[in-house]
Amino acid sequence: MRPVIFDLDGVLVDSEPVWEEVRRAFVAEHGGTWLPETQSRLMGMSTGEWAAYLAELGVRLPPREIASGVVERMAERYRHGVPLMPGAKEAVARLAEHRRPLGLASSSPRALIDVVLDATGLAAFFTATVSTEEVARGKPAPDGYLEAAGRMGVDPGDCVAVEDSSNGLRSAAAAGMRVIAVPHPGYPPAADALALATAVVPGLGDLTPGVVDHAA
């Protein structure tokens, strides 16, 4: 059975609006300037990368303090409820029931991944989970997906990734994986990134074992 590796933000959790709200407010409060392209650039960056980028926007704090401040605000939001994407838990369970080895390759910090998976009951479905904090480079580099495949003990070329963002699609494709795109309506991927997908589905309700097999 083809292993499937999910992204988290924008695929399983409708977190991009929350990330944008939290980081935009943090930048404003600490003297920075949010640019029109900021949100699209941030999507897929590792914690260290986006913290350094916010410092470049004029936030008057060291990147380490930027990261800890933003992550704590995100964790607080999640403690009041995790905004799962429609059909997220059902899609993961559906693939698990068909004996698909499942992994996760996320740009979120480890602390937030664990909060989300524990709070939603999704943790039990995944053989391996990776934060881009734990690899050298964030998306669009392939490091996170390659690490997830390595921890699962599978060949990256045998895997199907499920992604939503431009950088995520580029990352999975660079890892040599087939990619199923589930574009977020509020944050659609760039056309060139979407072209890397083997299949495009409108929502997780359409992510079936048959779609995975066809993509592979």
C-alpha atoms as a PDB file:
ATOM      1  CA  MET A   1       0.000   0.000   0.000  1.00  0.00           C
ATOM      2  CA  ARG A   2       1.271   3.482  -0.871  1.00  0.00           C
ATOM      3  CA  PRO A   3       2.406   5.494   2.157  1.00  0.00           C
ATOM      4  CA  VAL A   4       0.642   8.850   2.477  1.00  0.00           C
ATOM      5  CA  ILE A   5       2.275  11.876   4.106  1.00  0.00           C
ATOM      6  CA  PHE A   6       0.045  14.774   5.110  1.00  0.00           C
ATOM      7  CA  ASP A   7       0.811  18.404   5.620  1.00  0.00           C
ATOM      8  CA  LEU A   8      -0.880  19.848   8.720  1.00  0.00           C
ATOM      9  CA  ASP A   9      -1.565  23.573   8.327  1.00  0.00           C
ATOM     10  CA  GLY A  10      -4.151  24.231   5.642  1.00  0.00           C
ATOM     11  CA  VAL A  11      -4.722  20.524   4.980  1.00  0.00           C
ATOM     12  CA  LEU A  12      -5.861  18.979   8.261  1.00  0.00           C
ATOM     13  CA  VAL A  13      -6.175  22.172  10.298  1.00  0.00           C
ATOM     14  CA  ASP A  14      -7.665  25.424   9.050  1.00  0.00           C
ATOM     15  CA  SER A  15      -4.830  27.233  10.741  1.00  0.00           C
ATOM     16  CA  GLU A  16      -3.588  29.632   8.077  1.00  0.00           C
ATOM     17  CA  PRO A  17      -6.150  32.332   9.010  1.00  0.00           C
ATOM     18  CA  VAL A  18      -5.123  31.917  12.658  1.00  0.00           C
ATOM     19  CA  TRP A  19      -1.400  32.091  11.844  1.00  0.00           C
ATOM     20  CA  GLU A  20      -1.972  35.197   9.738  1.00  0.00           C
ATOM     21  CA  GLU A  21      -4.036  36.919  12.435  1.00  0.00           C
ATOM     22  CA  VAL A  22      -1.565  36.092  15.214  1.00  0.00           C
ATOM     23  CA  ARG A  23       1.599  36.977  13.280  1.00  0.00           C
ATOM     24  CA  ARG A  24       0.111  40.099  11.729  1.00  0.00           C
ATOM     25  CA  ALA A  25      -0.872  41.392  15.190  1.00  0.00           C
ATOM     26  CA  PHE A  26       2.533  40.476  16.623  1.00  0.00           C
ATOM     27  CA  VAL A  27       4.329  42.371  13.845  1.00  0.00           C
ATOM     28  CA  ALA A  28       2.155  45.453  14.355  1.00  0.00           C
ATOM     29  CA  GLU A  29       2.601  45.406  18.138  1.00  0.00           C
ATOM     30  CA  HIS A  30       6.381  45.247  17.878  1.00  0.00           C
ATOM     31  CA  GLY A  31       7.052  47.929  15.292  1.00  0.00           C
ATOM     32  CA  GLY A  32       7.126  45.909  12.082  1.00  0.00           C
ATOM     33  CA  THR A  33       5.369  46.361   8.759  1.00  0.00           C
ATOM     34  CA  TRP A  34       3.242  43.576   7.242  1.00  0.00           C
ATOM     35  CA  LEU A  35       3.657  43.513   3.456  1.00  0.00           C
ATOM     36  CA  PRO A  36       1.166  42.339   0.811  1.00  0.00           C
ATOM     37  CA  GLU A  37       3.264  39.264   0.035  1.00  0.00           C
ATOM     38  CA  THR A  38       4.119  38.413   3.648  1.00  0.00           C
ATOM     39  CA  GLN A  39       1.549  35.656   4.260  1.00  0.00           C
ATOM     40  CA  SER A  40       2.333  33.783   1.046  1.00  0.00           C
ATOM     41  CA  ARG A  41       6.055  33.955   1.790  1.00  0.00           C
ATOM     42  CA  LEU A  42       5.572  32.668   5.330  1.00  0.00           C
ATOM     43  CA  MET A  43       3.624  29.562   4.333  1.00  0.00           C
ATOM     44  CA  GLY A  44       5.919  26.557   4.613  1.00  0.00           C
ATOM     45  CA  MET A  45       8.805  28.281   6.386  1.00  0.00           C
ATOM     46  CA  SER A  46      10.273  26.592   9.443  1.00  0.00           C
ATOM     47  CA  THR A  47      10.002  28.320  12.805  1.00  0.00           C
ATOM     48  CA  GLY A  48      13.520  29.728  12.622  1.00  0.00           C
ATOM     49  CA  GLU A  49      12.993  30.934   9.072  1.00  0.00           C
ATOM     50  CA  TRP A  50       9.729  32.775   9.678  1.00  0.00           C
ATOM     51  CA  ALA A  51      10.973  34.291  12.929  1.00  0.00           C
ATOM     52  CA  ALA A  52      14.007  35.704  11.104  1.00  0.00           C
ATOM     53  CA  TYR A  53      11.748  36.977   8.330  1.00  0.00           C
ATOM     54  CA  LEU A  54       9.491  38.798  10.817  1.00  0.00           C
ATOM     55  CA  ALA A  55      12.599  40.434  12.251  1.00  0.00           C
ATOM     56  CA  GLU A  56      13.405  41.652   8.726  1.00  0.00           C
ATOM     57  CA  LEU A  57       9.953  43.256   8.656  1.00  0.00           C
ATOM     58  CA  GLY A  58      11.050  45.472  11.524  1.00  0.00           C
ATOM     59  CA  VAL A  59       9.963  43.545  14.619  1.00  0.00           C
ATOM     60  CA  ARG A  60      12.206  44.849  17.376  1.00  0.00           C
ATOM     61  CA  LEU A  61      12.933  41.518  19.055  1.00  0.00           C
ATOM     62  CA  PRO A  62      15.488  38.739  18.490  1.00  0.00           C
ATOM     63  CA  PRO A  63      14.134  35.911  16.306  1.00  0.00           C
ATOM     64  CA  ARG A  64      14.109  33.487  19.247  1.00  0.00           C
ATOM     65  CA  GLU A  65      11.779  35.787  21.200  1.00  0.00           C
ATOM     66  CA  ILE A  66       9.624  36.341  18.131  1.00  0.00           C
ATOM     67  CA  ALA A  67       9.194  32.601  17.698  1.00  0.00           C
ATOM     68  CA  SER A  68       8.376  31.906  21.332  1.00  0.00           C
ATOM     69  CA  GLY A  69       5.903  34.800  21.495  1.00  0.00           C
ATOM     70  CA  VAL A  70       4.015  33.796  18.372  1.00  0.00           C
ATOM     71  CA  VAL A  71       3.974  30.068  19.195  1.00  0.00           C
ATOM     72  CA  GLU A  72       2.626  30.726  22.685  1.00  0.00           C
ATOM     73  CA  ARG A  73      -0.204  32.788  21.213  1.00  0.00           C
ATOM     74  CA  MET A  74      -0.975  30.011  18.725  1.00  0.00           C
ATOM     75  CA  ALA A  75      -0.985  27.385  21.477  1.00  0.00           C
ATOM     76  CA  GLU A  76      -3.371  29.515  23.508  1.00  0.00           C
ATOM     77  CA  ARG A  77      -5.738  29.751  20.546  1.00  0.00           C
ATOM     78  CA  TYR A  78      -5.610  25.971  20.075  1.00  0.00           C
ATOM     79  CA  ARG A  79      -6.368  25.379  23.742  1.00  0.00           C
ATOM     80  CA  HIS A  80      -9.766  26.903  23.043  1.00  0.00           C
ATOM     81  CA  GLY A  81     -10.339  24.539  20.125  1.00  0.00           C
ATOM     82  CA  VAL A  82      -8.496  23.247  17.069  1.00  0.00           C
ATOM     83  CA  PRO A  83     -10.127  24.332  13.790  1.00  0.00           C
ATOM     84  CA  LEU A  84     -10.022  21.084  11.841  1.00  0.00           C
ATOM     85  CA  MET A  85     -10.691  21.262   8.125  1.00  0.00           C
ATOM     86  CA  PRO A  86     -13.996  19.673   7.061  1.00  0.00           C
ATOM     87  CA  GLY A  87     -13.579  15.926   6.743  1.00  0.00           C
ATOM     88  CA  ALA A  88     -10.025  15.907   8.140  1.00  0.00           C
ATOM     89  CA  LYS A  89     -10.418  13.191  10.741  1.00  0.00           C
ATOM     90  CA  GLU A  90     -12.581  11.091   8.449  1.00  0.00           C
ATOM     91  CA  ALA A  91     -10.024  11.277   5.619  1.00  0.00           C
ATOM     92  CA  VAL A  92      -7.161  10.206   7.856  1.00  0.00           C
ATOM     93  CA  ALA A  93      -9.215   7.368   9.353  1.00  0.00           C
ATOM     94  CA  ARG A  94     -10.394   6.270   5.898  1.00  0.00           C
ATOM     95  CA  LEU A  95      -6.837   5.853   4.624  1.00  0.00           C
ATOM     96  CA  ALA A  96      -5.715   4.183   7.853  1.00  0.00           C
ATOM     97  CA  GLU A  97      -8.543   1.668   7.567  1.00  0.00           C
ATOM     98  CA  HIS A  98      -7.151   0.691   4.173  1.00  0.00           C
ATOM     99  CA  ARG A  99      -3.778   0.007   5.775  1.00  0.00           C
ATOM    100  CA  ARG A 100      -2.009   3.035   4.320  1.00  0.00           C
ATOM    101  CA  PRO A 101       1.088   3.911   6.377  1.00  0.00           C
ATOM    102  CA  LEU A 102       0.534   7.556   7.340  1.00  0.00           C
ATOM    103  CA  GLY A 103       3.050  10.280   8.117  1.00  0.00           C
ATOM    104  CA  LEU A 104       2.998  14.005   8.744  1.00  0.00           C
ATOM    105  CA  ALA A 105       5.448  16.650   7.493  1.00  0.00           C
ATOM    106  CA  SER A 106       4.572  20.032   8.966  1.00  0.00           C
ATOM    107  CA  SER A 107       6.064  23.499   9.133  1.00  0.00           C
ATOM    108  CA  SER A 108       4.508  23.975  12.570  1.00  0.00           C
ATOM    109  CA  PRO A 109       6.786  23.740  15.601  1.00  0.00           C
ATOM    110  CA  ARG A 110       6.788  20.431  17.429  1.00  0.00           C
ATOM    111  CA  ALA A 111       4.905  21.898  20.395  1.00  0.00           C
ATOM    112  CA  LEU A 112       1.944  22.878  18.197  1.00  0.00           C
ATOM    113  CA  ILE A 113       1.946  19.610  16.238  1.00  0.00           C
ATOM    114  CA  ASP A 114       1.654  17.673  19.489  1.00  0.00           C
ATOM    115  CA  VAL A 115      -1.096  19.958  20.832  1.00  0.00           C
ATOM    116  CA  VAL A 116      -3.133  19.529  17.647  1.00  0.00           C
ATOM    117  CA  LEU A 117      -2.709  15.767  17.285  1.00  0.00           C
ATOM    118  CA  ASP A 118      -3.420  15.064  20.949  1.00  0.00           C
ATOM    119  CA  ALA A 119      -6.434  17.389  21.137  1.00  0.00           C
ATOM    120  CA  THR A 120      -8.037  15.960  17.990  1.00  0.00           C
ATOM    121  CA  GLY A 121      -7.255  12.292  18.553  1.00  0.00           C
ATOM    122  CA  LEU A 122      -5.272  12.113  15.308  1.00  0.00           C
ATOM    123  CA  ALA A 123      -1.960  11.147  16.925  1.00  0.00           C
ATOM    124  CA  ALA A 124      -2.737   7.423  16.892  1.00  0.00           C
ATOM    125  CA  PHE A 125      -3.047   7.326  13.104  1.00  0.00           C
ATOM    126  CA  PHE A 126       0.483   8.478  12.248  1.00  0.00           C
ATOM    127  CA  THR A 127       3.569   6.276  12.070  1.00  0.00           C
ATOM    128  CA  ALA A 128       5.877   9.309  12.066  1.00  0.00           C
ATOM    129  CA  THR A 129       5.505  13.069  12.393  1.00  0.00           C
ATOM    130  CA  VAL A 130       8.122  15.668  11.481  1.00  0.00           C
ATOM    131  CA  SER A 131       8.404  19.372  12.189  1.00  0.00           C
ATOM    132  CA  THR A 132      10.644  21.419   9.927  1.00  0.00           C
ATOM    133  CA  GLU A 133      12.259  22.579  13.182  1.00  0.00           C
ATOM    134  CA  GLU A 134      13.850  19.123  13.143  1.00  0.00           C
ATOM    135  CA  VAL A 135      15.478  19.388   9.703  1.00  0.00           C
ATOM    136  CA  ALA A 136      17.927  21.787   8.096  1.00  0.00           C
ATOM    137  CA  ARG A 137      15.498  23.603   5.792  1.00  0.00           C
ATOM    138  CA  GLY A 138      11.793  24.352   5.685  1.00  0.00           C
ATOM    139  CA  LYS A 139       9.510  24.095   2.675  1.00  0.00           C
ATOM    140  CA  PRO A 140       9.918  24.473  -0.322  1.00  0.00           C
ATOM    141  CA  ALA A 141      13.070  22.434   0.372  1.00  0.00           C
ATOM    142  CA  PRO A 142      12.291  18.690   0.498  1.00  0.00           C
ATOM    143  CA  ASP A 143      13.923  18.071   3.887  1.00  0.00           C
ATOM    144  CA  GLY A 144      10.752  17.585   5.951  1.00  0.00           C
ATOM    145  CA  TYR A 145       9.197  15.114   3.540  1.00  0.00           C
ATOM    146  CA  LEU A 146      12.429  13.180   3.157  1.00  0.00           C
ATOM    147  CA  GLU A 147      12.775  12.964   6.937  1.00  0.00           C
ATOM    148  CA  ALA A 148       9.192  11.751   7.323  1.00  0.00           C
ATOM    149  CA  ALA A 149       9.739   9.001   4.747  1.00  0.00           C
ATOM    150  CA  GLY A 150      12.983   8.041   6.481  1.00  0.00           C
ATOM    151  CA  ARG A 151      11.304   7.755   9.866  1.00  0.00           C
ATOM    152  CA  MET A 152       8.561   5.644   8.298  1.00  0.00           C
ATOM    153  CA  GLY A 153      11.151   3.384   6.685  1.00  0.00           C
ATOM    154  CA  VAL A 154       9.780   3.911   3.170  1.00  0.00           C
ATOM    155  CA  ASP A 155      11.177   5.161  -0.131  1.00  0.00           C
ATOM    156  CA  PRO A 156      10.150   8.780  -0.814  1.00  0.00           C
ATOM    157  CA  GLY A 157       9.396   7.829  -4.415  1.00  0.00           C
ATOM    158  CA  ASP A 158       6.736   5.406  -3.193  1.00  0.00           C
ATOM    159  CA  CYS A 159       4.926   8.089  -1.183  1.00  0.00           C
ATOM    160  CA  VAL A 160       1.950  10.270  -1.948  1.00  0.00           C
ATOM    161  CA  ALA A 161       1.887  13.663  -0.234  1.00  0.00           C
ATOM    162  CA  VAL A 162      -1.218  15.716   0.518  1.00  0.00           C
ATOM    163  CA  GLU A 163      -0.591  19.461   0.349  1.00  0.00           C
ATOM    164  CA  ASP A 164      -2.328  22.819  -0.040  1.00  0.00           C
ATOM    165  CA  SER A 165       0.271  25.591  -0.305  1.00  0.00           C
ATOM    166  CA  SER A 166       2.704  26.594  -3.032  1.00  0.00           C
ATOM    167  CA  ASN A 167       5.764  25.885  -0.902  1.00  0.00           C
ATOM    168  CA  GLY A 168       4.306  22.620   0.338  1.00  0.00           C
ATOM    169  CA  LEU A 169       3.597  21.373  -3.167  1.00  0.00           C
ATOM    170  CA  ARG A 170       7.114  22.315  -4.234  1.00  0.00           C
ATOM    171  CA  SER A 171       8.599  20.589  -1.188  1.00  0.00           C
ATOM    172  CA  ALA A 172       6.828  17.285  -1.726  1.00  0.00           C
ATOM    173  CA  ALA A 173       7.579  17.279  -5.455  1.00  0.00           C
ATOM    174  CA  ALA A 174      11.253  18.032  -4.763  1.00  0.00           C
ATOM    175  CA  ALA A 175      11.294  14.994  -2.460  1.00  0.00           C
ATOM    176  CA  GLY A 176      10.277  12.849  -5.436  1.00  0.00           C
ATOM    177  CA  MET A 177       6.756  12.191  -4.193  1.00  0.00           C
ATOM    178  CA  ARG A 178       3.462  12.185  -6.053  1.00  0.00           C
ATOM    179  CA  VAL A 179       1.382  15.058  -4.734  1.00  0.00           C
ATOM    180  CA  ILE A 180      -2.346  15.443  -4.232  1.00  0.00           C
ATOM    181  CA  ALA A 181      -3.335  19.092  -3.901  1.00  0.00           C
ATOM    182  CA  VAL A 182      -6.216  20.173  -1.689  1.00  0.00           C
ATOM    183  CA  PRO A 183      -6.138  23.927  -2.309  1.00  0.00           C
ATOM    184  CA  HIS A 184      -7.313  26.170   0.514  1.00  0.00           C
ATOM    185  CA  PRO A 185      -9.948  28.538  -0.915  1.00  0.00           C
ATOM    186  CA  GLY A 186      -8.590  31.490   1.033  1.00  0.00           C
ATOM    187  CA  TYR A 187      -4.915  30.833   0.271  1.00  0.00           C
ATOM    188  CA  PRO A 188      -4.772  29.222  -3.197  1.00  0.00           C
ATOM    189  CA  PRO A 189      -1.389  27.997  -4.429  1.00  0.00           C
ATOM    190  CA  ALA A 190       0.400  29.599  -7.347  1.00  0.00           C
ATOM    191  CA  ALA A 191      -0.359  28.114 -10.751  1.00  0.00           C
ATOM    192  CA  ASP A 192       3.184  26.819 -11.262  1.00  0.00           C
ATOM    193  CA  ALA A 193       3.098  25.038  -7.898  1.00  0.00           C
ATOM    194  CA  LEU A 194      -0.350  23.563  -8.515  1.00  0.00           C
ATOM    195  CA  ALA A 195       0.932  22.201 -11.818  1.00  0.00           C
ATOM    196  CA  LEU A 196       3.258  19.927  -9.822  1.00  0.00           C
ATOM    197  CA  ALA A 197       0.283  18.026  -8.395  1.00  0.00           C
ATOM    198  CA  THR A 198      -0.645  14.660  -9.850  1.00  0.00           C
ATOM    199  CA  ALA A 199      -4.227  15.151  -8.693  1.00  0.00           C
ATOM    200  CA  VAL A 200      -6.293  18.035  -7.353  1.00  0.00           C
ATOM    201  CA  VAL A 201      -9.318  17.468  -5.106  1.00  0.00           C
ATOM    202  CA  PRO A 202     -11.693  20.152  -3.828  1.00  0.00           C
ATOM    203  CA  GLY A 203     -11.787  18.865  -0.260  1.00  0.00           C
ATOM    204  CA  LEU A 204     -10.761  16.071   2.074  1.00  0.00           C
ATOM    205  CA  GLY A 205     -14.082  14.333   1.537  1.00  0.00           C
ATOM    206  CA  ASP A 206     -12.776  13.517  -1.930  1.00  0.00           C
ATOM    207  CA  LEU A 207      -9.498  12.059  -0.659  1.00  0.00           C
ATOM    208  CA  THR A 208     -10.114   8.334  -1.042  1.00  0.00           C
ATOM    209  CA  PRO A 209      -7.852   5.298  -1.392  1.00  0.00           C
ATOM    210  CA  GLY A 210      -8.809   5.251  -5.068  1.00  0.00           C
ATOM    211  CA  VAL A 211      -7.591   8.836  -5.565  1.00  0.00           C
ATOM    212  CA  VAL A 212      -4.326   7.954  -3.821  1.00  0.00           C
ATOM    213  CA  ASP A 213      -3.842   4.903  -6.038  1.00  0.00           C
ATOM    214  CA  HIS A 214      -4.583   6.926  -9.161  1.00  0.00           C
ATOM    215  CA  ALA A 215      -2.125   9.651  -8.114  1.00  0.00           C
ATOM    216  CA  ALA A 216       0.555   7.030  -7.513  1.00  0.00           C
END
